[in-house]
């Protein structure tokens, strides 16, 4: 359906966009979020009166918004509580996966909620000094301040097999079948079958 490809606003004022399975959410320069595409589970229906956002994330059938005050708003499919974020105002980053979600706290630790059928919300107990998170369908990634990557959950296609000796990573990304890390402007590794 081409309607899923057409954003409902002038693309000149978007500062970030996140794509889910069949919907997308964009953050506008004004702090407003807009969504379009499949709305079967309410994943493109941003709740009214939620205030301004600093970040948005689209999952499989749910969406997240990180508000200016550091709290998280979620909407869409909540079958496994993936759209039921923890309370509080101490969050700095969000990531929506298949049926789970991740958030980075100001103190460098990670909150995870939603489906845990593959261990994707079993955050390692000693994980700290995290600067970025990425959620996929069955696994999760965390980028630490020292440039290393930590993975947990299902690595059925090698997604959680972080090659030894890689450091200086500056960005991470997670897809259902592979994970990527950016280091010094190059792609040092991609884990896949």
N, C-alpha and C. Protein backbone atom coordinates (compact mmCIF):
# COMPACT_ATOMS: atom_id res chain seq x y z
N UNK A 1 0.84 -1.17 0.00
CA UNK A 1 0.00 0.00 0.00
C UNK A 1 0.88 1.24 0.00
N UNK A 2 0.75 2.08 -1.00
CA UNK A 2 1.59 3.27 -1.10
C UNK A 2 1.28 4.31 -0.03
N UNK A 3 0.12 4.21 0.62
CA UNK A 3 -0.21 5.15 1.70
C UNK A 3 0.78 5.02 2.85
N UNK A 4 1.36 3.84 3.03
CA UNK A 4 2.34 3.65 4.09
C UNK A 4 3.64 4.37 3.78
N UNK A 5 3.86 4.71 2.51
CA UNK A 5 5.09 5.36 2.10
C UNK A 5 5.01 6.87 2.09
N UNK A 6 3.82 7.42 2.19
CA UNK A 6 3.63 8.86 2.09
C UNK A 6 3.48 9.50 3.46
N UNK A 7 4.47 10.27 3.90
CA UNK A 7 4.34 10.95 5.19
C UNK A 7 3.27 12.03 5.11
N UNK A 8 2.58 12.28 6.22
CA UNK A 8 1.46 13.23 6.23
C UNK A 8 1.87 14.68 6.52
N UNK A 9 3.09 15.06 6.25
CA UNK A 9 3.54 16.42 6.54
C UNK A 9 4.62 16.80 5.54
N UNK A 10 5.03 18.03 5.58
CA UNK A 10 6.14 18.48 4.74
C UNK A 10 7.43 17.92 5.31
N UNK A 11 8.15 17.17 4.54
CA UNK A 11 9.36 16.49 5.01
C UNK A 11 10.48 17.46 5.39
N UNK A 12 10.31 18.74 5.13
CA UNK A 12 11.39 19.69 5.41
C UNK A 12 11.58 19.97 6.89
N UNK A 13 10.60 19.63 7.74
CA UNK A 13 10.79 19.92 9.16
C UNK A 13 10.94 18.68 10.01
N UNK A 14 11.23 17.54 9.42
CA UNK A 14 11.49 16.31 10.18
C UNK A 14 12.97 16.27 10.57
N UNK A 15 13.25 15.86 11.82
CA UNK A 15 14.63 15.77 12.29
C UNK A 15 15.04 14.32 12.56
N UNK A 16 14.07 13.40 12.64
CA UNK A 16 14.38 11.99 12.84
C UNK A 16 13.18 11.16 12.39
N UNK A 17 13.44 9.93 11.98
CA UNK A 17 12.36 9.02 11.58
C UNK A 17 12.73 7.61 12.01
N UNK A 18 11.73 6.82 12.34
CA UNK A 18 11.92 5.42 12.72
C UNK A 18 10.87 4.58 12.00
N UNK A 19 11.30 3.48 11.39
CA UNK A 19 10.40 2.62 10.64
C UNK A 19 10.13 1.33 11.39
N UNK A 20 8.85 0.98 11.51
CA UNK A 20 8.45 -0.29 12.09
C UNK A 20 8.18 -1.30 10.99
N UNK A 21 7.38 -2.31 11.28
CA UNK A 21 7.09 -3.34 10.29
C UNK A 21 6.28 -2.78 9.13
N UNK A 22 5.24 -2.01 9.42
CA UNK A 22 4.39 -1.45 8.36
C UNK A 22 3.91 -0.04 8.72
N UNK A 23 4.63 0.62 9.60
CA UNK A 23 4.31 2.00 9.95
C UNK A 23 5.61 2.74 10.23
N UNK A 24 5.52 4.05 10.30
CA UNK A 24 6.68 4.88 10.60
C UNK A 24 6.27 6.01 11.53
N UNK A 25 7.23 6.47 12.31
CA UNK A 25 7.03 7.60 13.22
C UNK A 25 8.16 8.59 12.97
N UNK A 26 7.82 9.86 12.88
CA UNK A 26 8.84 10.89 12.66
C UNK A 26 8.75 11.93 13.77
N UNK A 27 9.90 12.49 14.09
CA UNK A 27 10.00 13.59 15.03
C UNK A 27 10.21 14.86 14.24
N UNK A 28 9.37 15.85 14.47
CA UNK A 28 9.48 17.13 13.79
C UNK A 28 10.32 18.10 14.61
N UNK A 29 10.82 19.13 13.97
CA UNK A 29 11.66 20.12 14.65
C UNK A 29 10.93 20.80 15.80
N UNK A 30 9.64 20.80 15.78
CA UNK A 30 8.83 21.42 16.84
C UNK A 30 8.71 20.54 18.08
N UNK A 31 9.18 19.29 18.02
CA UNK A 31 9.02 18.34 19.12
C UNK A 31 7.77 17.50 18.98
N UNK A 32 6.97 17.79 17.97
CA UNK A 32 5.77 17.00 17.70
C UNK A 32 6.16 15.72 16.98
N UNK A 33 5.41 14.66 17.21
CA UNK A 33 5.62 13.40 16.49
C UNK A 33 4.44 13.17 15.56
N UNK A 34 4.73 12.60 14.40
CA UNK A 34 3.69 12.21 13.45
C UNK A 34 3.95 10.76 13.05
N UNK A 35 2.87 10.04 12.75
CA UNK A 35 3.00 8.65 12.36
C UNK A 35 2.08 8.37 11.18
N UNK A 36 2.44 7.38 10.39
CA UNK A 36 1.62 6.99 9.25
C UNK A 36 1.86 5.52 8.94
N UNK A 37 0.99 4.96 8.12
CA UNK A 37 1.09 3.56 7.74
C UNK A 37 0.03 2.73 8.44
N UNK A 38 0.30 1.44 8.61
CA UNK A 38 -0.65 0.51 9.22
C UNK A 38 -0.96 0.96 10.65
N UNK A 39 -2.25 0.98 10.98
CA UNK A 39 -2.67 1.38 12.31
C UNK A 39 -3.59 0.33 12.93
N UNK A 40 -3.47 -0.91 12.49
CA UNK A 40 -4.32 -2.00 12.96
C UNK A 40 -4.29 -2.13 14.48
N UNK A 41 -3.14 -1.92 15.08
CA UNK A 41 -2.98 -2.07 16.53
C UNK A 41 -2.83 -0.73 17.24
N UNK A 42 -3.09 0.35 16.54
CA UNK A 42 -2.96 1.69 17.11
C UNK A 42 -1.53 2.20 17.12
N UNK A 43 -0.64 1.53 16.40
CA UNK A 43 0.78 1.90 16.41
C UNK A 43 1.06 3.23 15.70
N UNK A 44 0.11 3.72 14.90
CA UNK A 44 0.29 5.01 14.23
C UNK A 44 -0.63 6.08 14.82
N UNK A 45 -1.26 5.77 15.94
CA UNK A 45 -2.19 6.72 16.59
C UNK A 45 -1.53 7.31 17.83
N UNK A 46 -0.78 8.38 17.64
CA UNK A 46 -0.07 9.01 18.76
C UNK A 46 -1.10 9.59 19.73
N UNK A 47 -1.00 9.27 21.01
CA UNK A 47 -1.97 9.79 21.98
C UNK A 47 -1.97 11.32 22.01
N UNK A 48 -3.13 11.90 22.22
CA UNK A 48 -3.26 13.35 22.28
C UNK A 48 -2.72 13.88 23.61
N UNK A 49 -2.20 15.08 23.58
CA UNK A 49 -1.80 15.77 24.80
C UNK A 49 -0.59 15.22 25.51
N UNK A 50 0.32 14.55 24.78
CA UNK A 50 1.49 13.95 25.44
C UNK A 50 2.68 14.90 25.53
N UNK A 51 2.58 16.07 24.95
CA UNK A 51 3.67 17.03 25.04
C UNK A 51 4.71 16.84 23.95
N UNK A 52 5.87 17.44 24.16
CA UNK A 52 6.94 17.42 23.17
C UNK A 52 7.86 16.22 23.37
N UNK A 53 8.38 15.72 22.24
CA UNK A 53 9.30 14.59 22.24
C UNK A 53 10.71 15.03 21.84
N UNK A 54 11.69 14.24 22.29
CA UNK A 54 13.07 14.42 21.84
C UNK A 54 13.53 13.24 21.01
N UNK A 55 12.74 12.15 21.02
CA UNK A 55 13.08 10.95 20.27
C UNK A 55 11.83 10.10 20.07
N UNK A 56 11.79 9.34 18.96
CA UNK A 56 10.69 8.42 18.69
C UNK A 56 11.27 7.09 18.21
N UNK A 57 10.49 6.01 18.38
CA UNK A 57 10.93 4.70 17.93
C UNK A 57 9.71 3.88 17.52
N UNK A 58 9.81 3.23 16.36
CA UNK A 58 8.73 2.37 15.86
C UNK A 58 9.16 0.91 15.97
N UNK A 59 8.31 0.10 16.59
CA UNK A 59 8.56 -1.33 16.69
C UNK A 59 7.71 -2.09 15.68
N UNK A 60 7.51 -3.36 15.92
CA UNK A 60 6.72 -4.18 15.01
C UNK A 60 5.27 -3.71 14.96
N UNK A 61 4.63 -3.63 16.11
CA UNK A 61 3.24 -3.18 16.19
C UNK A 61 3.03 -2.15 17.30
N UNK A 62 4.08 -1.52 17.75
CA UNK A 62 3.97 -0.50 18.78
C UNK A 62 4.97 0.62 18.51
N UNK A 63 4.79 1.73 19.20
CA UNK A 63 5.67 2.88 19.03
C UNK A 63 5.98 3.48 20.40
N UNK A 64 7.12 4.17 20.46
CA UNK A 64 7.55 4.83 21.69
C UNK A 64 7.90 6.28 21.39
N UNK A 65 7.72 7.13 22.39
CA UNK A 65 8.17 8.50 22.32
C UNK A 65 8.85 8.87 23.62
N UNK A 66 10.04 9.45 23.52
CA UNK A 66 10.76 9.94 24.69
C UNK A 66 10.45 11.42 24.82
N UNK A 67 9.81 11.78 25.93
CA UNK A 67 9.37 13.16 26.12
C UNK A 67 10.50 14.05 26.63
N UNK A 68 10.31 15.34 26.50
CA UNK A 68 11.30 16.33 26.92
C UNK A 68 11.66 16.16 28.39
N UNK A 69 10.72 15.75 29.22
CA UNK A 69 10.98 15.59 30.65
C UNK A 69 11.68 14.27 31.00
N UNK A 70 12.02 13.44 29.99
CA UNK A 70 12.71 12.18 30.23
C UNK A 70 11.80 11.01 30.49
N UNK A 71 10.50 11.20 30.37
CA UNK A 71 9.55 10.08 30.53
C UNK A 71 9.24 9.47 29.17
N UNK A 72 8.67 8.27 29.19
CA UNK A 72 8.39 7.53 27.96
C UNK A 72 6.88 7.36 27.80
N UNK A 73 6.41 7.59 26.58
CA UNK A 73 5.03 7.35 26.21
C UNK A 73 5.04 6.24 25.17
N UNK A 74 4.08 5.31 25.26
CA UNK A 74 4.01 4.21 24.29
C UNK A 74 2.58 4.04 23.83
N UNK A 75 2.41 3.52 22.62
CA UNK A 75 1.08 3.26 22.08
C UNK A 75 1.17 2.12 21.08
N UNK A 76 0.02 1.50 20.84
CA UNK A 76 -0.04 0.37 19.92
C UNK A 76 -0.24 -0.95 20.65
N UNK A 77 0.16 -2.03 20.01
CA UNK A 77 -0.03 -3.38 20.55
C UNK A 77 0.70 -3.52 21.89
N UNK A 78 -0.04 -3.98 22.89
CA UNK A 78 0.55 -4.16 24.22
C UNK A 78 0.34 -5.59 24.71
N UNK A 79 0.24 -6.53 23.78
CA UNK A 79 -0.02 -7.93 24.12
C UNK A 79 0.98 -8.49 25.11
N UNK A 80 2.25 -8.12 24.96
CA UNK A 80 3.30 -8.61 25.87
C UNK A 80 3.87 -7.48 26.73
N UNK A 81 3.07 -6.44 26.95
CA UNK A 81 3.47 -5.27 27.74
C UNK A 81 4.59 -4.45 27.10
N UNK A 82 4.82 -4.62 25.79
CA UNK A 82 5.87 -3.85 25.12
C UNK A 82 5.53 -2.37 25.02
N UNK A 83 4.25 -2.03 25.16
CA UNK A 83 3.83 -0.62 25.13
C UNK A 83 3.46 -0.14 26.53
N UNK A 84 4.05 -0.78 27.55
CA UNK A 84 3.83 -0.37 28.95
C UNK A 84 5.18 -0.01 29.56
N UNK A 85 5.70 1.18 29.24
CA UNK A 85 7.04 1.55 29.71
C UNK A 85 7.08 1.77 31.21
N UNK A 86 8.28 1.66 31.77
CA UNK A 86 8.42 1.94 33.20
C UNK A 86 8.19 3.42 33.47
N UNK A 87 7.75 3.72 34.66
CA UNK A 87 7.52 5.11 35.07
C UNK A 87 8.87 5.79 35.30
N UNK A 88 8.84 7.08 35.42
CA UNK A 88 10.05 7.82 35.74
C UNK A 88 10.39 8.84 34.67
N UNK A 89 11.33 9.70 35.01
CA UNK A 89 11.75 10.76 34.08
C UNK A 89 13.26 10.78 33.92
N UNK A 90 13.87 9.61 34.04
CA UNK A 90 15.33 9.56 33.98
C UNK A 90 15.84 8.85 32.73
N UNK A 91 15.11 8.92 31.63
CA UNK A 91 15.50 8.20 30.41
C UNK A 91 16.07 9.16 29.37
N UNK A 92 17.05 8.67 28.60
CA UNK A 92 17.73 9.50 27.61
C UNK A 92 17.65 8.93 26.20
N UNK A 93 17.27 7.66 26.04
CA UNK A 93 17.17 7.04 24.71
C UNK A 93 16.19 5.88 24.77
N UNK A 94 15.58 5.57 23.62
CA UNK A 94 14.61 4.48 23.52
C UNK A 94 14.85 3.68 22.25
N UNK A 95 14.37 2.42 22.27
CA UNK A 95 14.41 1.57 21.09
C UNK A 95 13.26 0.58 21.18
N UNK A 96 12.49 0.46 20.10
CA UNK A 96 11.35 -0.46 20.06
C UNK A 96 11.71 -1.66 19.19
N UNK A 97 11.53 -2.85 19.74
CA UNK A 97 11.83 -4.07 18.99
C UNK A 97 10.56 -4.73 18.48
N UNK A 98 10.65 -6.04 18.26
CA UNK A 98 9.49 -6.77 17.77
C UNK A 98 8.34 -6.74 18.75
N UNK A 99 8.56 -7.28 19.94
CA UNK A 99 7.54 -7.28 20.98
C UNK A 99 8.15 -6.91 22.34
N UNK A 100 9.26 -6.20 22.29
CA UNK A 100 9.86 -5.69 23.52
C UNK A 100 10.45 -4.31 23.24
N UNK A 101 10.81 -3.62 24.31
CA UNK A 101 11.36 -2.28 24.19
C UNK A 101 12.52 -2.10 25.15
N UNK A 102 13.39 -1.15 24.81
CA UNK A 102 14.54 -0.81 25.66
C UNK A 102 14.57 0.69 25.89
N UNK A 103 15.11 1.07 27.04
CA UNK A 103 15.34 2.49 27.33
C UNK A 103 16.65 2.62 28.08
N UNK A 104 17.35 3.69 27.78
CA UNK A 104 18.61 4.00 28.45
C UNK A 104 18.35 5.03 29.54
N UNK A 105 18.81 4.71 30.75
CA UNK A 105 18.66 5.63 31.88
C UNK A 105 19.83 6.62 31.91
N UNK A 106 19.62 7.75 32.58
CA UNK A 106 20.66 8.77 32.71
C UNK A 106 21.92 8.22 33.36
N UNK A 107 21.78 7.21 34.21
CA UNK A 107 22.95 6.66 34.91
C UNK A 107 23.70 5.60 34.10
N UNK A 108 23.32 5.41 32.83
CA UNK A 108 24.02 4.47 31.97
C UNK A 108 23.57 3.03 32.09
N UNK A 109 22.46 2.78 32.77
CA UNK A 109 21.92 1.42 32.84
C UNK A 109 20.72 1.31 31.89
N UNK A 110 20.26 0.07 31.67
CA UNK A 110 19.24 -0.19 30.67
C UNK A 110 17.98 -0.78 31.31
N UNK A 111 16.83 -0.28 30.88
CA UNK A 111 15.53 -0.85 31.26
C UNK A 111 14.99 -1.60 30.06
N UNK A 112 14.39 -2.76 30.29
CA UNK A 112 13.81 -3.56 29.21
C UNK A 112 12.46 -4.08 29.67
N UNK A 113 11.49 -4.12 28.75
CA UNK A 113 10.15 -4.61 29.08
C UNK A 113 9.52 -5.22 27.83
N UNK A 114 8.51 -6.06 28.07
CA UNK A 114 7.81 -6.71 26.96
C UNK A 114 8.13 -8.19 26.89
N UNK A 115 8.00 -8.76 25.71
CA UNK A 115 8.22 -10.21 25.51
C UNK A 115 9.63 -10.60 25.91
N UNK A 116 9.76 -11.77 26.51
CA UNK A 116 11.06 -12.26 26.92
C UNK A 116 11.23 -13.73 26.52
N UNK A 117 10.57 -14.15 25.46
CA UNK A 117 10.63 -15.55 25.05
C UNK A 117 12.01 -15.97 24.54
N UNK A 118 12.88 -15.04 24.24
CA UNK A 118 14.25 -15.37 23.80
C UNK A 118 15.30 -14.78 24.74
N UNK A 119 14.87 -14.26 25.88
CA UNK A 119 15.80 -13.62 26.81
C UNK A 119 16.16 -12.20 26.41
N UNK A 120 15.40 -11.60 25.50
CA UNK A 120 15.71 -10.26 25.00
C UNK A 120 15.50 -9.15 26.02
N UNK A 121 14.79 -9.42 27.11
CA UNK A 121 14.68 -8.41 28.16
C UNK A 121 15.49 -8.77 29.41
N UNK A 122 16.29 -9.82 29.33
CA UNK A 122 17.17 -10.20 30.44
C UNK A 122 18.46 -9.39 30.37
N UNK A 123 18.39 -8.14 30.76
CA UNK A 123 19.55 -7.26 30.73
C UNK A 123 20.63 -7.83 31.66
N UNK A 124 21.86 -7.99 31.17
CA UNK A 124 22.92 -8.50 32.04
C UNK A 124 23.02 -7.67 33.32
N UNK A 125 23.14 -8.35 34.45
CA UNK A 125 23.10 -7.71 35.76
C UNK A 125 24.17 -6.65 35.95
N UNK A 126 25.34 -6.84 35.38
CA UNK A 126 26.44 -5.89 35.60
C UNK A 126 26.58 -4.87 34.47
N UNK A 127 25.58 -4.77 33.60
CA UNK A 127 25.67 -3.85 32.47
C UNK A 127 25.49 -2.40 32.93
N UNK A 128 26.51 -1.58 32.69
CA UNK A 128 26.43 -0.16 33.03
C UNK A 128 27.29 0.62 32.03
N UNK A 129 27.35 1.91 32.19
CA UNK A 129 28.10 2.81 31.30
C UNK A 129 27.66 2.66 29.84
N UNK A 130 26.36 2.45 29.65
CA UNK A 130 25.80 2.31 28.32
C UNK A 130 25.48 3.69 27.76
N UNK A 131 25.72 3.88 26.45
CA UNK A 131 25.44 5.16 25.80
C UNK A 131 24.41 5.04 24.69
N UNK A 132 24.08 3.81 24.27
CA UNK A 132 23.07 3.60 23.22
C UNK A 132 22.50 2.19 23.32
N UNK A 133 21.24 2.04 22.89
CA UNK A 133 20.59 0.73 22.89
C UNK A 133 19.92 0.49 21.54
N UNK A 134 19.76 -0.79 21.20
CA UNK A 134 19.07 -1.17 19.97
C UNK A 134 18.32 -2.47 20.21
N UNK A 135 17.01 -2.46 19.95
CA UNK A 135 16.18 -3.64 20.14
C UNK A 135 15.79 -4.21 18.79
N UNK A 136 15.81 -5.53 18.68
CA UNK A 136 15.35 -6.19 17.46
C UNK A 136 14.21 -7.11 17.82
N UNK A 137 13.99 -8.11 17.00
CA UNK A 137 12.87 -9.01 17.22
C UNK A 137 13.10 -9.94 18.41
N UNK A 138 14.28 -10.53 18.52
CA UNK A 138 14.53 -11.53 19.54
C UNK A 138 15.81 -11.30 20.33
N UNK A 139 16.45 -10.15 20.15
CA UNK A 139 17.68 -9.86 20.88
C UNK A 139 17.80 -8.36 21.10
N UNK A 140 18.78 -7.99 21.93
CA UNK A 140 19.01 -6.59 22.27
C UNK A 140 20.51 -6.29 22.24
N UNK A 141 20.84 -5.04 21.95
CA UNK A 141 22.23 -4.59 21.92
C UNK A 141 22.40 -3.36 22.81
N UNK A 142 23.59 -3.23 23.38
CA UNK A 142 23.95 -2.04 24.14
C UNK A 142 25.35 -1.62 23.75
N UNK A 143 25.54 -0.34 23.52
CA UNK A 143 26.86 0.22 23.24
C UNK A 143 27.36 0.88 24.51
N UNK A 144 28.54 0.47 24.96
CA UNK A 144 29.10 1.03 26.19
C UNK A 144 30.00 2.23 25.88
N UNK A 145 30.25 3.04 26.89
CA UNK A 145 31.06 4.25 26.74
C UNK A 145 32.48 3.94 26.27
N UNK A 146 32.97 2.74 26.55
CA UNK A 146 34.33 2.38 26.13
C UNK A 146 34.39 1.89 24.69
N UNK A 147 33.26 1.95 23.96
CA UNK A 147 33.24 1.55 22.56
C UNK A 147 33.03 0.08 22.31
N UNK A 148 32.66 -0.67 23.35
CA UNK A 148 32.37 -2.09 23.16
C UNK A 148 30.86 -2.31 23.10
N UNK A 149 30.48 -3.48 22.57
CA UNK A 149 29.07 -3.81 22.39
C UNK A 149 28.73 -5.05 23.21
N UNK A 150 27.57 -5.02 23.86
CA UNK A 150 27.06 -6.16 24.62
C UNK A 150 25.75 -6.58 23.97
N UNK A 151 25.56 -7.89 23.80
CA UNK A 151 24.34 -8.42 23.18
C UNK A 151 23.74 -9.50 24.07
N UNK A 152 22.40 -9.61 24.06
CA UNK A 152 21.71 -10.67 24.78
C UNK A 152 20.42 -11.01 24.05
N UNK A 153 19.93 -12.22 24.32
CA UNK A 153 18.74 -12.71 23.63
C UNK A 153 19.12 -13.80 22.65
N UNK A 154 18.29 -14.00 21.64
CA UNK A 154 18.52 -15.06 20.66
C UNK A 154 19.52 -14.63 19.60
N UNK A 155 20.51 -15.45 19.38
CA UNK A 155 21.49 -15.22 18.32
C UNK A 155 21.40 -16.32 17.29
N UNK A 156 20.20 -16.72 16.93
CA UNK A 156 20.00 -17.86 16.03
C UNK A 156 20.68 -17.69 14.68
N UNK A 157 20.91 -16.45 14.27
CA UNK A 157 21.62 -16.19 13.01
C UNK A 157 22.97 -15.53 13.27
N UNK A 158 23.44 -15.62 14.49
CA UNK A 158 24.74 -15.04 14.84
C UNK A 158 24.68 -13.58 15.26
N UNK A 159 23.47 -13.04 15.43
CA UNK A 159 23.33 -11.62 15.75
C UNK A 159 23.98 -11.23 17.07
N UNK A 160 24.05 -12.14 18.01
CA UNK A 160 24.60 -11.82 19.33
C UNK A 160 26.06 -12.27 19.47
N UNK A 161 26.65 -12.75 18.39
CA UNK A 161 28.06 -13.19 18.41
C UNK A 161 28.96 -12.00 18.08
N UNK A 162 29.23 -11.19 19.06
CA UNK A 162 30.08 -10.02 18.85
C UNK A 162 31.52 -10.50 18.68
N UNK A 163 32.14 -10.23 17.53
CA UNK A 163 33.51 -10.69 17.31
C UNK A 163 34.46 -10.09 18.34
N UNK A 164 35.39 -10.88 18.86
CA UNK A 164 36.34 -10.36 19.85
C UNK A 164 37.29 -9.34 19.22
N UNK A 165 37.79 -8.44 20.05
CA UNK A 165 38.79 -7.49 19.60
C UNK A 165 38.25 -6.24 18.96
N UNK A 166 36.94 -6.12 18.84
CA UNK A 166 36.38 -4.91 18.24
C UNK A 166 36.09 -3.89 19.33
N UNK A 167 36.56 -2.68 19.12
CA UNK A 167 36.31 -1.60 20.07
C UNK A 167 36.16 -0.31 19.27
N UNK A 168 36.06 0.79 19.96
CA UNK A 168 35.88 2.09 19.32
C UNK A 168 34.61 2.17 18.48
N UNK A 169 33.60 1.41 18.87
CA UNK A 169 32.31 1.46 18.18
C UNK A 169 31.60 2.74 18.59
N UNK A 170 30.97 3.41 17.62
CA UNK A 170 30.28 4.68 17.90
C UNK A 170 28.78 4.60 17.65
N UNK A 171 28.31 3.55 16.97
CA UNK A 171 26.87 3.40 16.71
C UNK A 171 26.54 1.93 16.50
N UNK A 172 25.31 1.55 16.87
CA UNK A 172 24.85 0.17 16.70
C UNK A 172 23.48 0.16 16.03
N UNK A 173 23.16 -0.95 15.37
CA UNK A 173 21.85 -1.13 14.76
C UNK A 173 21.50 -2.61 14.81
N UNK A 174 20.21 -2.89 14.99
CA UNK A 174 19.75 -4.27 15.10
C UNK A 174 18.61 -4.52 14.13
N UNK A 175 18.69 -5.60 13.38
CA UNK A 175 17.59 -6.03 12.51
C UNK A 175 17.25 -7.46 12.91
N UNK A 176 16.17 -8.03 12.41
CA UNK A 176 15.82 -9.39 12.81
C UNK A 176 16.90 -10.43 12.53
N UNK A 177 17.67 -10.27 11.45
CA UNK A 177 18.62 -11.32 11.08
C UNK A 177 20.08 -10.92 11.14
N UNK A 178 20.40 -9.68 11.46
CA UNK A 178 21.79 -9.28 11.59
C UNK A 178 21.91 -8.04 12.48
N UNK A 179 23.12 -7.85 13.01
CA UNK A 179 23.43 -6.68 13.82
C UNK A 179 24.62 -5.97 13.19
N UNK A 180 24.68 -4.64 13.36
CA UNK A 180 25.80 -3.87 12.80
C UNK A 180 26.36 -2.92 13.84
N UNK A 181 27.66 -2.62 13.67
CA UNK A 181 28.31 -1.64 14.53
C UNK A 181 29.20 -0.76 13.67
N UNK A 182 29.18 0.53 13.95
CA UNK A 182 29.99 1.49 13.20
C UNK A 182 31.17 1.90 14.06
N UNK A 183 32.37 1.83 13.47
CA UNK A 183 33.59 2.17 14.20
C UNK A 183 34.46 3.06 13.32
N UNK A 184 34.71 4.26 13.76
CA UNK A 184 35.59 5.16 13.02
C UNK A 184 35.17 5.41 11.58
N UNK A 185 33.87 5.40 11.31
CA UNK A 185 33.40 5.66 9.96
C UNK A 185 33.38 4.44 9.06
N UNK A 186 33.76 3.28 9.59
CA UNK A 186 33.72 2.05 8.79
C UNK A 186 32.83 1.04 9.50
N UNK A 187 32.41 0.04 8.77
CA UNK A 187 31.63 -1.04 9.37
C UNK A 187 32.60 -2.16 9.71
N UNK A 188 33.03 -2.23 10.98
CA UNK A 188 34.02 -3.24 11.35
C UNK A 188 33.47 -4.65 11.30
N UNK A 189 32.20 -4.79 11.57
CA UNK A 189 31.62 -6.13 11.51
C UNK A 189 30.13 -6.08 11.39
N UNK A 190 29.62 -7.10 10.73
CA UNK A 190 28.19 -7.35 10.64
C UNK A 190 28.01 -8.80 11.04
N UNK A 191 27.19 -9.06 12.04
CA UNK A 191 26.97 -10.44 12.45
C UNK A 191 25.73 -10.94 11.75
N UNK A 192 25.87 -12.00 11.00
CA UNK A 192 24.77 -12.60 10.27
C UNK A 192 25.15 -14.03 9.92
N UNK A 193 24.19 -14.80 9.35
CA UNK A 193 24.50 -16.20 9.03
C UNK A 193 25.57 -16.32 7.97
